[in-house]
N, C-alpha and C. Protein backbone atom coordinates (compact mmCIF):
# COMPACT_ATOMS: atom_id res chain seq x y z
N MET A 1 0.81 -1.18 0.00
CA MET A 1 0.00 0.00 0.00
C MET A 1 0.86 1.26 0.00
N LYS A 2 1.94 1.23 0.77
CA LYS A 2 2.83 2.39 0.84
C LYS A 2 3.47 2.65 -0.53
N ILE A 3 3.83 1.61 -1.24
CA ILE A 3 4.42 1.76 -2.58
C ILE A 3 3.42 2.40 -3.52
N LEU A 4 2.16 1.96 -3.46
CA LEU A 4 1.12 2.51 -4.32
C LEU A 4 0.93 4.00 -4.06
N SER A 5 0.89 4.41 -2.81
CA SER A 5 0.70 5.83 -2.50
C SER A 5 1.90 6.65 -2.96
N THR A 6 3.09 6.09 -2.87
CA THR A 6 4.29 6.78 -3.36
C THR A 6 4.22 6.95 -4.86
N VAL A 7 3.79 5.93 -5.57
CA VAL A 7 3.65 5.99 -7.03
C VAL A 7 2.60 7.04 -7.42
N VAL A 8 1.49 7.05 -6.72
CA VAL A 8 0.43 8.02 -7.00
C VAL A 8 0.93 9.44 -6.76
N MET A 9 1.66 9.65 -5.67
CA MET A 9 2.21 10.98 -5.39
C MET A 9 3.21 11.40 -6.45
N ALA A 10 4.07 10.50 -6.89
CA ALA A 10 5.04 10.81 -7.94
C ALA A 10 4.34 11.17 -9.24
N ALA A 11 3.30 10.44 -9.59
CA ALA A 11 2.54 10.72 -10.80
C ALA A 11 1.88 12.09 -10.72
N ALA A 12 1.35 12.42 -9.56
CA ALA A 12 0.72 13.73 -9.37
C ALA A 12 1.72 14.86 -9.54
N LEU A 13 2.93 14.67 -9.02
CA LEU A 13 3.97 15.69 -9.17
C LEU A 13 4.36 15.87 -10.63
N ILE A 14 4.45 14.79 -11.36
CA ILE A 14 4.80 14.86 -12.78
C ILE A 14 3.71 15.60 -13.55
N VAL A 15 2.46 15.27 -13.30
CA VAL A 15 1.35 15.94 -13.97
C VAL A 15 1.34 17.42 -13.60
N SER A 16 1.61 17.74 -12.34
CA SER A 16 1.67 19.13 -11.91
C SER A 16 2.76 19.89 -12.64
N ALA A 17 3.92 19.31 -12.75
CA ALA A 17 5.04 19.96 -13.43
C ALA A 17 4.71 20.18 -14.90
N GLN A 18 4.06 19.21 -15.53
CA GLN A 18 3.69 19.36 -16.93
C GLN A 18 2.65 20.45 -17.10
N ALA A 19 1.73 20.57 -16.18
CA ALA A 19 0.70 21.60 -16.26
C ALA A 19 1.31 22.99 -16.15
N MET A 20 2.39 23.12 -15.36
CA MET A 20 3.02 24.42 -15.19
C MET A 20 3.66 24.91 -16.48
N ALA A 21 4.10 24.00 -17.31
CA ALA A 21 4.72 24.37 -18.57
C ALA A 21 3.92 23.77 -19.72
N ALA A 22 2.61 24.09 -19.73
CA ALA A 22 1.70 23.49 -20.70
C ALA A 22 1.85 24.08 -22.10
N GLY A 23 2.49 25.22 -22.22
CA GLY A 23 2.64 25.86 -23.52
C GLY A 23 3.69 25.19 -24.38
N ASP A 24 3.89 25.76 -25.54
CA ASP A 24 4.85 25.25 -26.53
C ASP A 24 6.10 26.14 -26.52
N PRO A 25 7.23 25.61 -26.05
CA PRO A 25 8.45 26.42 -25.98
C PRO A 25 8.89 26.99 -27.33
N ALA A 26 8.72 26.24 -28.41
CA ALA A 26 9.12 26.73 -29.74
C ALA A 26 8.26 27.93 -30.15
N LYS A 27 6.96 27.84 -29.90
CA LYS A 27 6.08 28.98 -30.20
C LYS A 27 6.41 30.15 -29.28
N GLY A 28 6.74 29.84 -28.03
CA GLY A 28 7.11 30.89 -27.08
C GLY A 28 8.36 31.63 -27.50
N LYS A 29 9.33 30.89 -28.04
CA LYS A 29 10.57 31.52 -28.52
C LYS A 29 10.26 32.46 -29.68
N ALA A 30 9.38 32.01 -30.58
CA ALA A 30 8.99 32.85 -31.72
C ALA A 30 8.23 34.09 -31.24
N THR A 31 7.36 33.92 -30.26
CA THR A 31 6.62 35.05 -29.70
C THR A 31 7.55 36.01 -28.99
N PHE A 32 8.53 35.48 -28.28
CA PHE A 32 9.51 36.30 -27.57
C PHE A 32 10.20 37.26 -28.55
N ALA A 33 10.53 36.76 -29.73
CA ALA A 33 11.16 37.61 -30.75
C ALA A 33 10.13 38.52 -31.43
N ALA A 34 9.00 37.97 -31.82
CA ALA A 34 8.00 38.71 -32.59
C ALA A 34 7.35 39.84 -31.80
N LYS A 35 7.13 39.65 -30.52
CA LYS A 35 6.47 40.66 -29.69
C LYS A 35 7.45 41.69 -29.14
N GLY A 36 8.72 41.51 -29.41
CA GLY A 36 9.71 42.50 -29.00
C GLY A 36 10.35 42.26 -27.64
N CYS A 37 10.05 41.15 -26.99
CA CYS A 37 10.62 40.86 -25.67
C CYS A 37 12.15 40.84 -25.74
N ILE A 38 12.64 40.32 -26.85
CA ILE A 38 14.08 40.18 -27.04
C ILE A 38 14.79 41.54 -27.02
N GLY A 39 14.06 42.60 -27.38
CA GLY A 39 14.64 43.94 -27.42
C GLY A 39 15.14 44.42 -26.07
N CYS A 40 14.45 44.08 -25.02
CA CYS A 40 14.85 44.50 -23.67
C CYS A 40 15.48 43.36 -22.87
N HIS A 41 14.87 42.19 -22.95
CA HIS A 41 15.34 41.07 -22.13
C HIS A 41 16.47 40.29 -22.79
N GLY A 42 16.77 40.59 -24.05
CA GLY A 42 17.90 40.00 -24.74
C GLY A 42 17.67 38.59 -25.24
N ALA A 43 18.56 38.18 -26.15
CA ALA A 43 18.52 36.81 -26.67
C ALA A 43 18.75 35.86 -25.51
N GLY A 44 17.94 34.84 -25.42
CA GLY A 44 18.07 33.89 -24.32
C GLY A 44 17.55 34.42 -23.00
N ALA A 45 16.88 35.56 -23.02
CA ALA A 45 16.24 36.16 -21.84
C ALA A 45 17.21 36.47 -20.71
N VAL A 46 18.46 36.82 -21.06
CA VAL A 46 19.46 37.10 -20.03
C VAL A 46 19.35 38.51 -19.45
N GLY A 47 18.62 39.40 -20.13
CA GLY A 47 18.39 40.74 -19.62
C GLY A 47 19.66 41.56 -19.45
N THR A 48 19.47 42.77 -18.96
CA THR A 48 20.58 43.64 -18.58
C THR A 48 20.19 44.30 -17.26
N PRO A 49 20.24 43.52 -16.17
CA PRO A 49 19.84 44.04 -14.86
C PRO A 49 20.64 45.28 -14.49
N PRO A 50 20.11 46.21 -13.76
CA PRO A 50 18.77 46.19 -13.17
C PRO A 50 17.69 46.77 -14.08
N THR A 51 18.06 47.37 -15.19
CA THR A 51 17.06 48.00 -16.05
C THR A 51 16.10 46.98 -16.65
N TYR A 52 16.65 45.93 -17.23
CA TYR A 52 15.82 44.89 -17.86
C TYR A 52 16.13 43.57 -17.17
N PRO A 53 15.18 43.06 -16.41
CA PRO A 53 15.47 41.86 -15.61
C PRO A 53 15.76 40.61 -16.42
N ARG A 54 16.61 39.80 -15.85
CA ARG A 54 16.94 38.48 -16.38
C ARG A 54 15.73 37.59 -16.15
N LEU A 55 15.24 36.96 -17.20
CA LEU A 55 14.13 36.03 -17.08
C LEU A 55 14.61 34.59 -17.08
N LYS A 56 15.75 34.36 -17.72
CA LYS A 56 16.32 33.01 -17.74
C LYS A 56 16.49 32.54 -16.30
N GLY A 57 16.04 31.31 -16.04
CA GLY A 57 16.12 30.77 -14.68
C GLY A 57 14.80 30.85 -13.94
N ARG A 58 13.85 31.61 -14.47
CA ARG A 58 12.53 31.72 -13.84
C ARG A 58 11.66 30.56 -14.31
N ASP A 59 10.75 30.13 -13.45
CA ASP A 59 9.87 29.03 -13.84
C ASP A 59 8.60 29.55 -14.51
N ALA A 60 7.87 28.63 -15.12
CA ALA A 60 6.67 28.97 -15.89
C ALA A 60 5.64 29.69 -15.02
N ALA A 61 5.45 29.24 -13.80
CA ALA A 61 4.44 29.85 -12.93
C ALA A 61 4.74 31.33 -12.68
N PHE A 62 6.01 31.65 -12.45
CA PHE A 62 6.42 33.04 -12.23
C PHE A 62 6.11 33.89 -13.46
N ILE A 63 6.47 33.38 -14.64
CA ILE A 63 6.26 34.13 -15.88
C ILE A 63 4.77 34.34 -16.13
N LYS A 64 3.99 33.28 -15.99
CA LYS A 64 2.54 33.39 -16.22
C LYS A 64 1.91 34.40 -15.26
N GLU A 65 2.26 34.31 -13.99
CA GLU A 65 1.68 35.22 -13.01
C GLU A 65 2.02 36.67 -13.33
N ASN A 66 3.27 36.92 -13.63
CA ASN A 66 3.68 38.30 -13.87
C ASN A 66 3.13 38.86 -15.17
N LEU A 67 3.15 38.08 -16.25
CA LEU A 67 2.59 38.57 -17.51
C LEU A 67 1.09 38.82 -17.39
N THR A 68 0.39 37.95 -16.67
CA THR A 68 -1.04 38.13 -16.45
C THR A 68 -1.29 39.39 -15.63
N ASN A 69 -0.47 39.61 -14.62
CA ASN A 69 -0.62 40.81 -13.79
C ASN A 69 -0.27 42.08 -14.55
N PHE A 70 0.73 42.04 -15.41
CA PHE A 70 1.04 43.21 -16.25
C PHE A 70 -0.12 43.47 -17.21
N ARG A 71 -0.66 42.41 -17.81
CA ARG A 71 -1.74 42.57 -18.78
C ARG A 71 -2.99 43.17 -18.13
N SER A 72 -3.30 42.74 -16.92
CA SER A 72 -4.50 43.23 -16.24
C SER A 72 -4.30 44.61 -15.61
N GLY A 73 -3.04 45.01 -15.44
CA GLY A 73 -2.75 46.28 -14.77
C GLY A 73 -2.55 46.12 -13.27
N LYS A 74 -2.69 44.89 -12.77
CA LYS A 74 -2.46 44.64 -11.35
C LYS A 74 -1.02 44.97 -10.97
N ARG A 75 -0.10 44.67 -11.88
CA ARG A 75 1.31 45.03 -11.68
C ARG A 75 1.59 46.20 -12.61
N LYS A 76 2.21 47.24 -12.09
CA LYS A 76 2.39 48.49 -12.84
C LYS A 76 3.82 48.65 -13.36
N ASN A 77 3.92 48.81 -14.65
CA ASN A 77 5.15 49.20 -15.34
C ASN A 77 4.68 49.61 -16.73
N PRO A 78 4.80 50.89 -17.08
CA PRO A 78 4.22 51.36 -18.34
C PRO A 78 4.65 50.54 -19.58
N THR A 79 5.92 50.20 -19.65
CA THR A 79 6.39 49.43 -20.80
C THR A 79 5.79 48.03 -20.80
N MET A 80 5.86 47.35 -19.67
CA MET A 80 5.35 45.98 -19.61
C MET A 80 3.83 45.92 -19.70
N ASN A 81 3.15 46.92 -19.16
CA ASN A 81 1.68 46.95 -19.29
C ASN A 81 1.30 47.05 -20.76
N ALA A 82 2.00 47.89 -21.51
CA ALA A 82 1.72 48.04 -22.94
C ALA A 82 2.09 46.77 -23.71
N MET A 83 3.23 46.18 -23.38
CA MET A 83 3.67 44.98 -24.08
C MET A 83 2.72 43.80 -23.81
N ALA A 84 2.32 43.64 -22.58
CA ALA A 84 1.48 42.50 -22.19
C ALA A 84 0.03 42.66 -22.64
N ALA A 85 -0.40 43.88 -22.90
CA ALA A 85 -1.79 44.13 -23.28
C ALA A 85 -2.21 43.33 -24.52
N SER A 86 -1.28 43.11 -25.43
CA SER A 86 -1.62 42.40 -26.67
C SER A 86 -1.43 40.89 -26.58
N LEU A 87 -0.97 40.39 -25.44
CA LEU A 87 -0.72 38.96 -25.30
C LEU A 87 -2.02 38.19 -25.04
N THR A 88 -2.18 37.09 -25.73
CA THR A 88 -3.31 36.20 -25.48
C THR A 88 -2.92 35.24 -24.36
N ASP A 89 -3.90 34.50 -23.85
CA ASP A 89 -3.59 33.47 -22.85
C ASP A 89 -2.62 32.45 -23.44
N GLU A 90 -2.81 32.10 -24.72
CA GLU A 90 -1.92 31.15 -25.37
C GLU A 90 -0.50 31.72 -25.48
N ASP A 91 -0.37 33.00 -25.83
CA ASP A 91 0.95 33.63 -25.88
C ASP A 91 1.65 33.51 -24.53
N ILE A 92 0.91 33.79 -23.46
CA ILE A 92 1.49 33.74 -22.12
C ILE A 92 1.92 32.32 -21.78
N GLU A 93 1.09 31.35 -22.09
CA GLU A 93 1.46 29.94 -21.85
C GLU A 93 2.73 29.58 -22.61
N ASN A 94 2.81 30.00 -23.88
CA ASN A 94 3.97 29.66 -24.71
C ASN A 94 5.22 30.39 -24.23
N LEU A 95 5.08 31.66 -23.89
CA LEU A 95 6.24 32.40 -23.37
C LEU A 95 6.73 31.78 -22.07
N ALA A 96 5.81 31.40 -21.21
CA ALA A 96 6.19 30.77 -19.94
C ALA A 96 6.91 29.46 -20.19
N ALA A 97 6.43 28.68 -21.14
CA ALA A 97 7.07 27.40 -21.45
C ALA A 97 8.47 27.63 -22.03
N TYR A 98 8.62 28.65 -22.88
CA TYR A 98 9.94 28.94 -23.47
C TYR A 98 10.92 29.37 -22.38
N ILE A 99 10.52 30.30 -21.56
CA ILE A 99 11.43 30.80 -20.52
C ILE A 99 11.76 29.70 -19.51
N ASP A 100 10.75 28.90 -19.17
CA ASP A 100 10.99 27.77 -18.28
C ASP A 100 12.02 26.80 -18.87
N SER A 101 12.00 26.64 -20.19
CA SER A 101 12.93 25.71 -20.85
C SER A 101 14.38 26.20 -20.81
N LEU A 102 14.58 27.46 -20.49
CA LEU A 102 15.93 28.03 -20.46
C LEU A 102 16.67 27.73 -19.15
N ARG A 103 15.97 27.19 -18.17
CA ARG A 103 16.58 26.93 -16.85
C ARG A 103 17.63 25.86 -16.93
């Protein structure tokens, strides 16, 4: 019984991790370039801190939360609010998956 519960817990963790990066990293990379993210955050999302933060190393959940908050205006930054305003939910999922893949 203990082995079964361990297997079930491991499966749940795997499904959870997959859900966090449900987008398509290849599409996210294309969106990163097409939407202009690369202009500030740089190729490979390395940024130029402190002006433009490094995104490489961040997980999908962080990226999704912040892009959603910029898009809604919950998080304030004039440049990012404008950039995120045109992002669809799918764009955000794909960008999150791409940035998560850089870790």
